[in-house]
């Protein structure tokens, strides 16, 4: 499967992610609602968003400007190789 080229499909994909996340959060909170669970869900979502930003912006701009990450898997492989290189 190739990369999406259509800007309309890219926008649709983004809104489908938003919709899927809203449905998942609604189901989680609907099964066992408490303000504590809602707060923890918000914190978890915020932290994952910040990690994504870190993985694709901070590393590229401040840690290793020569490496362009294409996926979270590539970030993991990069750090694994870097870690192994320091120990060997």
PDB file of N, CA and C in Angstrom:
ATOM      1  N   UNK A   1       0.842  -1.174   0.000  1.00  0.00           N
ATOM      2  CA  UNK A   1       0.000   0.000   0.000  1.00  0.00           C
ATOM      3  C   UNK A   1       0.889   1.240   0.000  1.00  0.00           C
ATOM      4  N   UNK A   2       0.613   2.175  -0.863  1.00  0.00           N
ATOM      5  CA  UNK A   2       1.419   3.382  -0.989  1.00  0.00           C
ATOM      6  C   UNK A   2       0.981   4.489  -0.045  1.00  0.00           C
ATOM      7  N   UNK A   3       1.713   5.580  -0.078  1.00  0.00           N
ATOM      8  CA  UNK A   3       1.385   6.746   0.740  1.00  0.00           C
ATOM      9  C   UNK A   3       0.145   7.435   0.195  1.00  0.00           C
ATOM     10  N   UNK A   4      -0.590   8.057   1.105  1.00  0.00           N
ATOM     11  CA  UNK A   4      -1.740   8.854   0.689  1.00  0.00           C
ATOM     12  C   UNK A   4      -1.250  10.108  -0.021  1.00  0.00           C
ATOM     13  N   UNK A   5      -1.863  10.431  -1.130  1.00  0.00           N
ATOM     14  CA  UNK A   5      -1.496  11.626  -1.881  1.00  0.00           C
ATOM     15  C   UNK A   5      -2.613  12.675  -1.838  1.00  0.00           C
ATOM     16  N   UNK A   6      -3.834  12.221  -1.668  1.00  0.00           N
ATOM     17  CA  UNK A   6      -4.983  13.118  -1.685  1.00  0.00           C
ATOM     18  C   UNK A   6      -5.110  13.854  -0.356  1.00  0.00           C
ATOM     19  N   UNK A   7      -5.137  15.192  -0.420  1.00  0.00           N
ATOM     20  CA  UNK A   7      -5.270  15.968   0.812  1.00  0.00           C
ATOM     21  C   UNK A   7      -6.630  15.724   1.470  1.00  0.00           C
ATOM     22  N   UNK A   8      -7.647  15.452   0.679  1.00  0.00           N
ATOM     23  CA  UNK A   8      -8.975  15.170   1.255  1.00  0.00           C
ATOM     24  C   UNK A   8      -8.954  13.863   2.047  1.00  0.00           C
ATOM     25  N   UNK A   9      -8.278  12.841   1.534  1.00  0.00           N
ATOM     26  CA  UNK A   9      -8.180  11.569   2.256  1.00  0.00           C
ATOM     27  C   UNK A   9      -7.317  11.698   3.508  1.00  0.00           C
ATOM     28  N   UNK A  10      -6.289  12.532   3.440  1.00  0.00           N
ATOM     29  CA  UNK A  10      -5.446  12.756   4.617  1.00  0.00           C
ATOM     30  C   UNK A  10      -6.249  13.432   5.720  1.00  0.00           C
ATOM     31  N   UNK A  11      -7.035  14.421   5.368  1.00  0.00           N
ATOM     32  CA  UNK A  11      -7.895  15.101   6.348  1.00  0.00           C
ATOM     33  C   UNK A  11      -8.938  14.131   6.888  1.00  0.00           C
ATOM     34  N   UNK A  12      -9.540  13.326   6.026  1.00  0.00           N
ATOM     35  CA  UNK A  12     -10.513  12.325   6.465  1.00  0.00           C
ATOM     36  C   UNK A  12      -9.868  11.347   7.442  1.00  0.00           C
ATOM     37  N   UNK A  13      -8.664  10.904   7.141  1.00  0.00           N
ATOM     38  CA  UNK A  13      -7.952   9.988   8.025  1.00  0.00           C
ATOM     39  C   UNK A  13      -7.718  10.628   9.392  1.00  0.00           C
ATOM     40  N   UNK A  14      -7.338  11.894   9.412  1.00  0.00           N
ATOM     41  CA  UNK A  14      -7.136  12.606  10.672  1.00  0.00           C
ATOM     42  C   UNK A  14      -8.406  12.660  11.501  1.00  0.00           C
ATOM     43  N   UNK A  15      -9.531  12.959  10.867  1.00  0.00           N
ATOM     44  CA  UNK A  15     -10.797  13.020  11.595  1.00  0.00           C
ATOM     45  C   UNK A  15     -11.277  11.635  12.015  1.00  0.00           C
ATOM     46  N   UNK A  16     -10.940  10.609  11.250  1.00  0.00           N
ATOM     47  CA  UNK A  16     -11.266   9.243  11.677  1.00  0.00           C
ATOM     48  C   UNK A  16     -10.482   8.866  12.936  1.00  0.00           C
ATOM     49  N   UNK A  17      -9.222   9.286  13.030  1.00  0.00           N
ATOM     50  CA  UNK A  17      -8.451   9.072  14.258  1.00  0.00           C
ATOM     51  C   UNK A  17      -9.093   9.806  15.433  1.00  0.00           C
ATOM     52  N   UNK A  18      -9.512  11.049  15.194  1.00  0.00           N
ATOM     53  CA  UNK A  18     -10.188  11.816  16.243  1.00  0.00           C
ATOM     54  C   UNK A  18     -11.461  11.115  16.692  1.00  0.00           C
ATOM     55  N   UNK A  19     -12.250  10.649  15.738  1.00  0.00           N
ATOM     56  CA  UNK A  19     -13.500   9.948  16.041  1.00  0.00           C
ATOM     57  C   UNK A  19     -13.241   8.651  16.811  1.00  0.00           C
ATOM     58  N   UNK A  20     -12.263   7.863  16.348  1.00  0.00           N
ATOM     59  CA  UNK A  20     -11.948   6.601  17.027  1.00  0.00           C
ATOM     60  C   UNK A  20     -11.477   6.857  18.456  1.00  0.00           C
ATOM     61  N   UNK A  21     -10.661   7.880  18.652  1.00  0.00           N
ATOM     62  CA  UNK A  21     -10.206   8.222  20.000  1.00  0.00           C
ATOM     63  C   UNK A  21     -11.347   8.661  20.896  1.00  0.00           C
ATOM     64  N   UNK A  22     -12.269   9.451  20.345  1.00  0.00           N
ATOM     65  CA  UNK A  22     -13.427   9.906  21.132  1.00  0.00           C
ATOM     66  C   UNK A  22     -14.324   8.732  21.507  1.00  0.00           C
ATOM     67  N   UNK A  23     -14.530   7.807  20.584  1.00  0.00           N
ATOM     68  CA  UNK A  23     -15.351   6.628  20.877  1.00  0.00           C
ATOM     69  C   UNK A  23     -14.676   5.769  21.947  1.00  0.00           C
ATOM     70  N   UNK A  24     -13.378   5.539  21.811  1.00  0.00           N
ATOM     71  CA  UNK A  24     -12.657   4.722  22.788  1.00  0.00           C
ATOM     72  C   UNK A  24     -12.703   5.368  24.178  1.00  0.00           C
ATOM     73  N   UNK A  25     -12.472   6.669  24.249  1.00  0.00           N
ATOM     74  CA  UNK A  25     -12.521   7.361  25.538  1.00  0.00           C
ATOM     75  C   UNK A  25     -13.937   7.318  26.125  1.00  0.00           C
ATOM     76  N   UNK A  26     -14.943   7.474  25.279  1.00  0.00           N
ATOM     77  CA  UNK A  26     -16.335   7.424  25.748  1.00  0.00           C
ATOM     78  C   UNK A  26     -16.682   6.057  26.313  1.00  0.00           C
ATOM     79  N   UNK A  27     -16.233   5.007  25.632  1.00  0.00           N
ATOM     80  CA  UNK A  27     -16.510   3.652  26.114  1.00  0.00           C
ATOM     81  C   UNK A  27     -15.795   3.406  27.442  1.00  0.00           C
ATOM     82  N   UNK A  28     -14.539   3.811  27.525  1.00  0.00           N
ATOM     83  CA  UNK A  28     -13.796   3.630  28.767  1.00  0.00           C
ATOM     84  C   UNK A  28     -14.456   4.359  29.935  1.00  0.00           C
ATOM     85  N   UNK A  29     -14.837   5.593  29.710  1.00  0.00           N
ATOM     86  CA  UNK A  29     -15.457   6.361  30.784  1.00  0.00           C
ATOM     87  C   UNK A  29     -16.898   5.936  31.029  1.00  0.00           C
ATOM     88  N   UNK A  30     -17.568   5.471  29.985  1.00  0.00           N
ATOM     89  CA  UNK A  30     -18.962   5.042  30.134  1.00  0.00           C
ATOM     90  C   UNK A  30     -19.100   3.777  30.963  1.00  0.00           C
ATOM     91  N   UNK A  31     -18.137   2.888  30.886  1.00  0.00           N
ATOM     92  CA  UNK A  31     -18.201   1.639  31.643  1.00  0.00           C
ATOM     93  C   UNK A  31     -17.982   1.856  33.138  1.00  0.00           C
ATOM     94  N   UNK A  32     -17.118   2.814  33.480  1.00  0.00           N
ATOM     95  CA  UNK A  32     -16.793   3.010  34.884  1.00  0.00           C
ATOM     96  C   UNK A  32     -16.399   4.469  35.090  1.00  0.00           C
ATOM     97  N   UNK A  33     -17.392   5.362  35.062  1.00  0.00           N
ATOM     98  CA  UNK A  33     -17.073   6.781  35.152  1.00  0.00           C
ATOM     99  C   UNK A  33     -16.703   7.185  36.569  1.00  0.00           C
ATOM    100  N   UNK A  34     -15.616   7.927  36.630  1.00  0.00           N
ATOM    101  CA  UNK A  34     -15.249   8.659  37.845  1.00  0.00           C
ATOM    102  C   UNK A  34     -14.378   9.815  37.384  1.00  0.00           C
ATOM    103  N   UNK A  35     -14.342  10.869  38.173  1.00  0.00           N
ATOM    104  CA  UNK A  35     -13.517  12.011  37.805  1.00  0.00           C
ATOM    105  C   UNK A  35     -12.039  11.630  37.794  1.00  0.00           C
ATOM    106  N   UNK A  36     -11.682  10.710  38.650  1.00  0.00           N
ATOM    107  CA  UNK A  36     -10.300  10.229  38.694  1.00  0.00           C
ATOM    108  C   UNK A  36      -9.936   9.544  37.377  1.00  0.00           C
ATOM    109  N   UNK A  37     -10.808   8.650  36.882  1.00  0.00           N
ATOM    110  CA  UNK A  37     -10.554   7.972  35.609  1.00  0.00           C
ATOM    111  C   UNK A  37     -10.491   8.965  34.447  1.00  0.00           C
ATOM    112  N   UNK A  38     -11.375   9.955  34.461  1.00  0.00           N
ATOM    113  CA  UNK A  38     -11.378  10.960  33.400  1.00  0.00           C
ATOM    114  C   UNK A  38     -10.074  11.756  33.417  1.00  0.00           C
ATOM    115  N   UNK A  39      -9.635  12.140  34.614  1.00  0.00           N
ATOM    116  CA  UNK A  39      -8.387  12.886  34.751  1.00  0.00           C
ATOM    117  C   UNK A  39      -7.194  12.054  34.274  1.00  0.00           C
ATOM    118  N   UNK A  40      -7.134  10.786  34.681  1.00  0.00           N
ATOM    119  CA  UNK A  40      -6.034   9.918  34.274  1.00  0.00           C
ATOM    120  C   UNK A  40      -6.033   9.675  32.764  1.00  0.00           C
ATOM    121  N   UNK A  41      -7.211   9.566  32.167  1.00  0.00           N
ATOM    122  CA  UNK A  41      -7.297   9.395  30.713  1.00  0.00           C
ATOM    123  C   UNK A  41      -6.770  10.632  29.996  1.00  0.00           C
ATOM    124  N   UNK A  42      -7.136  11.807  30.469  1.00  0.00           N
ATOM    125  CA  UNK A  42      -6.647  13.053  29.869  1.00  0.00           C
ATOM    126  C   UNK A  42      -5.126  13.144  29.994  1.00  0.00           C
ATOM    127  N   UNK A  43      -4.598  12.814  31.167  1.00  0.00           N
ATOM    128  CA  UNK A  43      -3.149  12.856  31.376  1.00  0.00           C
ATOM    129  C   UNK A  43      -2.449  11.855  30.453  1.00  0.00           C
ATOM    130  N   UNK A  44      -2.992  10.644  30.320  1.00  0.00           N
ATOM    131  CA  UNK A  44      -2.383   9.631  29.449  1.00  0.00           C
ATOM    132  C   UNK A  44      -2.361  10.106  27.997  1.00  0.00           C
ATOM    133  N   UNK A  45      -3.463  10.654  27.526  1.00  0.00           N
ATOM    134  CA  UNK A  45      -3.531  11.137  26.144  1.00  0.00           C
ATOM    135  C   UNK A  45      -2.532  12.271  25.936  1.00  0.00           C
ATOM    136  N   UNK A  46      -2.470  13.205  26.870  1.00  0.00           N
ATOM    137  CA  UNK A  46      -1.547  14.326  26.765  1.00  0.00           C
ATOM    138  C   UNK A  46      -0.102  13.834  26.734  1.00  0.00           C
ATOM    139  N   UNK A  47       0.241  12.872  27.600  1.00  0.00           N
ATOM    140  CA  UNK A  47       1.612  12.349  27.647  1.00  0.00           C
ATOM    141  C   UNK A  47       1.983  11.632  26.347  1.00  0.00           C
ATOM    142  N   UNK A  48       1.062  10.850  25.789  1.00  0.00           N
ATOM    143  CA  UNK A  48       1.352  10.172  24.526  1.00  0.00           C
ATOM    144  C   UNK A  48       1.532  11.184  23.393  1.00  0.00           C
ATOM    145  N   UNK A  49       0.750  12.249  23.407  1.00  0.00           N
ATOM    146  CA  UNK A  49       0.917  13.296  22.385  1.00  0.00           C
ATOM    147  C   UNK A  49       2.266  13.977  22.523  1.00  0.00           C
ATOM    148  N   UNK A  50       2.684  14.254  23.742  1.00  0.00           N
ATOM    149  CA  UNK A  50       3.985  14.876  23.966  1.00  0.00           C
ATOM    150  C   UNK A  50       5.115  13.944  23.547  1.00  0.00           C
ATOM    151  N   UNK A  51       4.995  12.632  23.788  1.00  0.00           N
ATOM    152  CA  UNK A  51       6.016  11.696  23.347  1.00  0.00           C
ATOM    153  C   UNK A  51       6.101  11.671  21.824  1.00  0.00           C
ATOM    154  N   UNK A  52       4.969  11.708  21.159  1.00  0.00           N
ATOM    155  CA  UNK A  52       4.945  11.718  19.705  1.00  0.00           C
ATOM    156  C   UNK A  52       5.670  12.963  19.181  1.00  0.00           C
ATOM    157  N   UNK A  53       5.404  14.107  19.793  1.00  0.00           N
ATOM    158  CA  UNK A  53       6.087  15.355  19.443  1.00  0.00           C
ATOM    159  C   UNK A  53       7.588  15.214  19.674  1.00  0.00           C
ATOM    160  N   UNK A  54       7.958  14.650  20.808  1.00  0.00           N
ATOM    161  CA  UNK A  54       9.367  14.415  21.132  1.00  0.00           C
ATOM    162  C   UNK A  54      10.021  13.531  20.071  1.00  0.00           C
ATOM    163  N   UNK A  55       9.333  12.449  19.700  1.00  0.00           N
ATOM    164  CA  UNK A  55       9.907  11.478  18.773  1.00  0.00           C
ATOM    165  C   UNK A  55      10.121  12.067  17.381  1.00  0.00           C
ATOM    166  N   UNK A  56       9.221  12.920  16.934  1.00  0.00           N
ATOM    167  CA  UNK A  56       9.310  13.387  15.551  1.00  0.00           C
ATOM    168  C   UNK A  56       9.795  14.818  15.394  1.00  0.00           C
ATOM    169  N   UNK A  57       9.886  15.581  16.451  1.00  0.00           N
ATOM    170  CA  UNK A  57      10.367  16.957  16.313  1.00  0.00           C
ATOM    171  C   UNK A  57      11.618  17.197  17.154  1.00  0.00           C
ATOM    172  N   UNK A  58      11.524  16.931  18.438  1.00  0.00           N
ATOM    173  CA  UNK A  58      12.626  17.245  19.342  1.00  0.00           C
ATOM    174  C   UNK A  58      13.885  16.462  18.977  1.00  0.00           C
ATOM    175  N   UNK A  59      13.746  15.168  18.730  1.00  0.00           N
ATOM    176  CA  UNK A  59      14.922  14.365  18.388  1.00  0.00           C
ATOM    177  C   UNK A  59      15.558  14.886  17.102  1.00  0.00           C
ATOM    178  N   UNK A  60      14.741  15.142  16.088  1.00  0.00           N
ATOM    179  CA  UNK A  60      15.261  15.597  14.801  1.00  0.00           C
ATOM    180  C   UNK A  60      15.897  16.980  14.902  1.00  0.00           C
ATOM    181  N   UNK A  61      15.333  17.871  15.690  1.00  0.00           N
ATOM    182  CA  UNK A  61      15.836  19.248  15.757  1.00  0.00           C
ATOM    183  C   UNK A  61      16.977  19.428  16.754  1.00  0.00           C
ATOM    184  N   UNK A  62      16.973  18.661  17.847  1.00  0.00           N
ATOM    185  CA  UNK A  62      17.929  18.933  18.911  1.00  0.00           C
ATOM    186  C   UNK A  62      18.891  17.787  19.236  1.00  0.00           C
ATOM    187  N   UNK A  63      18.512  16.549  18.962  1.00  0.00           N
ATOM    188  CA  UNK A  63      19.350  15.417  19.328  1.00  0.00           C
ATOM    189  C   UNK A  63      20.216  14.975  18.159  1.00  0.00           C
ATOM    190  N   UNK A  64      19.589  14.704  17.001  1.00  0.00           N
ATOM    191  CA  UNK A  64      20.334  14.224  15.829  1.00  0.00           C
ATOM    192  C   UNK A  64      19.681  14.774  14.570  1.00  0.00           C
ATOM    193  N   UNK A  65      20.107  15.949  14.122  1.00  0.00           N
ATOM    194  CA  UNK A  65      19.486  16.579  12.952  1.00  0.00           C
ATOM    195  C   UNK A  65      19.667  15.799  11.647  1.00  0.00           C
ATOM    196  N   UNK A  66      20.580  14.833  11.621  1.00  0.00           N
ATOM    197  CA  UNK A  66      20.826  14.094  10.384  1.00  0.00           C
ATOM    198  C   UNK A  66      19.856  12.937  10.198  1.00  0.00           C
ATOM    199  N   UNK A  67      19.190  12.532  11.248  1.00  0.00           N
ATOM    200  CA  UNK A  67      18.307  11.363  11.153  1.00  0.00           C
ATOM    201  C   UNK A  67      16.867  11.802  11.003  1.00  0.00           C
ATOM    202  N   UNK A  68      16.185  11.280  10.000  1.00  0.00           N
ATOM    203  CA  UNK A  68      14.777  11.579   9.756  1.00  0.00           C
ATOM    204  C   UNK A  68      13.963  10.336  10.098  1.00  0.00           C
ATOM    205  N   UNK A  69      13.123  10.436  11.102  1.00  0.00           N
ATOM    206  CA  UNK A  69      12.324   9.306  11.550  1.00  0.00           C
ATOM    207  C   UNK A  69      11.077   9.171  10.698  1.00  0.00           C
ATOM    208  N   UNK A  70      10.738   7.935  10.351  1.00  0.00           N
ATOM    209  CA  UNK A  70       9.557   7.691   9.535  1.00  0.00           C
ATOM    210  C   UNK A  70       8.430   7.051  10.337  1.00  0.00           C
ATOM    211  N   UNK A  71       8.732   6.540  11.530  1.00  0.00           N
ATOM    212  CA  UNK A  71       7.711   5.880  12.349  1.00  0.00           C
ATOM    213  C   UNK A  71       8.214   5.773  13.781  1.00  0.00           C
ATOM    214  N   UNK A  72       7.325   5.430  14.688  1.00  0.00           N
ATOM    215  CA  UNK A  72       7.745   5.204  16.065  1.00  0.00           C
ATOM    216  C   UNK A  72       8.675   3.998  16.148  1.00  0.00           C
ATOM    217  N   UNK A  73       8.491   3.028  15.259  1.00  0.00           N
ATOM    218  CA  UNK A  73       9.392   1.873  15.201  1.00  0.00           C
ATOM    219  C   UNK A  73      10.817   2.348  14.886  1.00  0.00           C
ATOM    220  N   UNK A  74      10.950   3.275  13.938  1.00  0.00           N
ATOM    221  CA  UNK A  74      12.263   3.809  13.578  1.00  0.00           C
ATOM    222  C   UNK A  74      12.904   4.522  14.766  1.00  0.00           C
ATOM    223  N   UNK A  75      12.104   5.204  15.568  1.00  0.00           N
ATOM    224  CA  UNK A  75      12.625   5.857  16.773  1.00  0.00           C
ATOM    225  C   UNK A  75      13.177   4.804  17.728  1.00  0.00           C
ATOM    226  N   UNK A  76      12.416   3.724  17.924  1.00  0.00           N
ATOM    227  CA  UNK A  76      12.868   2.645  18.803  1.00  0.00           C
ATOM    228  C   UNK A  76      14.146   1.993  18.315  1.00  0.00           C
ATOM    229  N   UNK A  77      14.228   1.717  17.030  1.00  0.00           N
ATOM    230  CA  UNK A  77      15.430   1.110  16.449  1.00  0.00           C
ATOM    231  C   UNK A  77      16.619   2.057  16.610  1.00  0.00           C
ATOM    232  N   UNK A  78      16.399   3.340  16.386  1.00  0.00           N
ATOM    233  CA  UNK A  78      17.456   4.337  16.528  1.00  0.00           C
ATOM    234  C   UNK A  78      18.028   4.323  17.942  1.00  0.00           C
ATOM    235  N   UNK A  79      17.156   4.364  18.948  1.00  0.00           N
ATOM    236  CA  UNK A  79      17.640   4.376  20.325  1.00  0.00           C
ATOM    237  C   UNK A  79      18.244   3.040  20.736  1.00  0.00           C
ATOM    238  N   UNK A  80      17.724   1.951  20.205  1.00  0.00           N
ATOM    239  CA  UNK A  80      18.303   0.634  20.500  1.00  0.00           C
ATOM    240  C   UNK A  80      19.738   0.567  19.965  1.00  0.00           C
ATOM    241  N   UNK A  81      19.925   0.987  18.720  1.00  0.00           N
ATOM    242  CA  UNK A  81      21.270   0.964  18.129  1.00  0.00           C
ATOM    243  C   UNK A  81      22.205   1.913  18.872  1.00  0.00           C
ATOM    244  N   UNK A  82      21.690   3.052  19.257  1.00  0.00           N
ATOM    245  CA  UNK A  82      22.496   4.017  19.984  1.00  0.00           C
ATOM    246  C   UNK A  82      22.906   3.473  21.348  1.00  0.00           C
ATOM    247  N   UNK A  83      21.975   2.839  22.036  1.00  0.00           N
ATOM    248  CA  UNK A  83      22.244   2.236  23.342  1.00  0.00           C
ATOM    249  C   UNK A  83      23.251   1.108  23.223  1.00  0.00           C
ATOM    250  N   UNK A  84      23.055   0.250  22.236  1.00  0.00           N
ATOM    251  CA  UNK A  84      23.964  -0.890  22.032  1.00  0.00           C
ATOM    252  C   UNK A  84      25.361  -0.389  21.664  1.00  0.00           C
ATOM    253  N   UNK A  85      25.436   0.674  20.909  1.00  0.00           N
ATOM    254  CA  UNK A  85      26.732   1.220  20.511  1.00  0.00           C
ATOM    255  C   UNK A  85      27.530   1.754  21.686  1.00  0.00           C
ATOM    256  N   UNK A  86      26.840   2.323  22.668  1.00  0.00           N
ATOM    257  CA  UNK A  86      27.536   2.857  23.831  1.00  0.00           C
ATOM    258  C   UNK A  86      28.030   1.762  24.743  1.00  0.00           C
ATOM    259  N   UNK A  87      27.323   0.642  24.788  1.00  0.00           N
ATOM    260  CA  UNK A  87      27.732  -0.441  25.664  1.00  0.00           C
ATOM    261  C   UNK A  87      28.815  -1.321  25.049  1.00  0.00           C
ATOM    262  N   UNK A  88      28.874  -1.371  23.741  1.00  0.00           N
ATOM    263  CA  UNK A  88      29.837  -2.264  23.071  1.00  0.00           C
ATOM    264  C   UNK A  88      31.204  -1.645  22.958  1.00  0.00           C
TER     265      UNK A  88
END
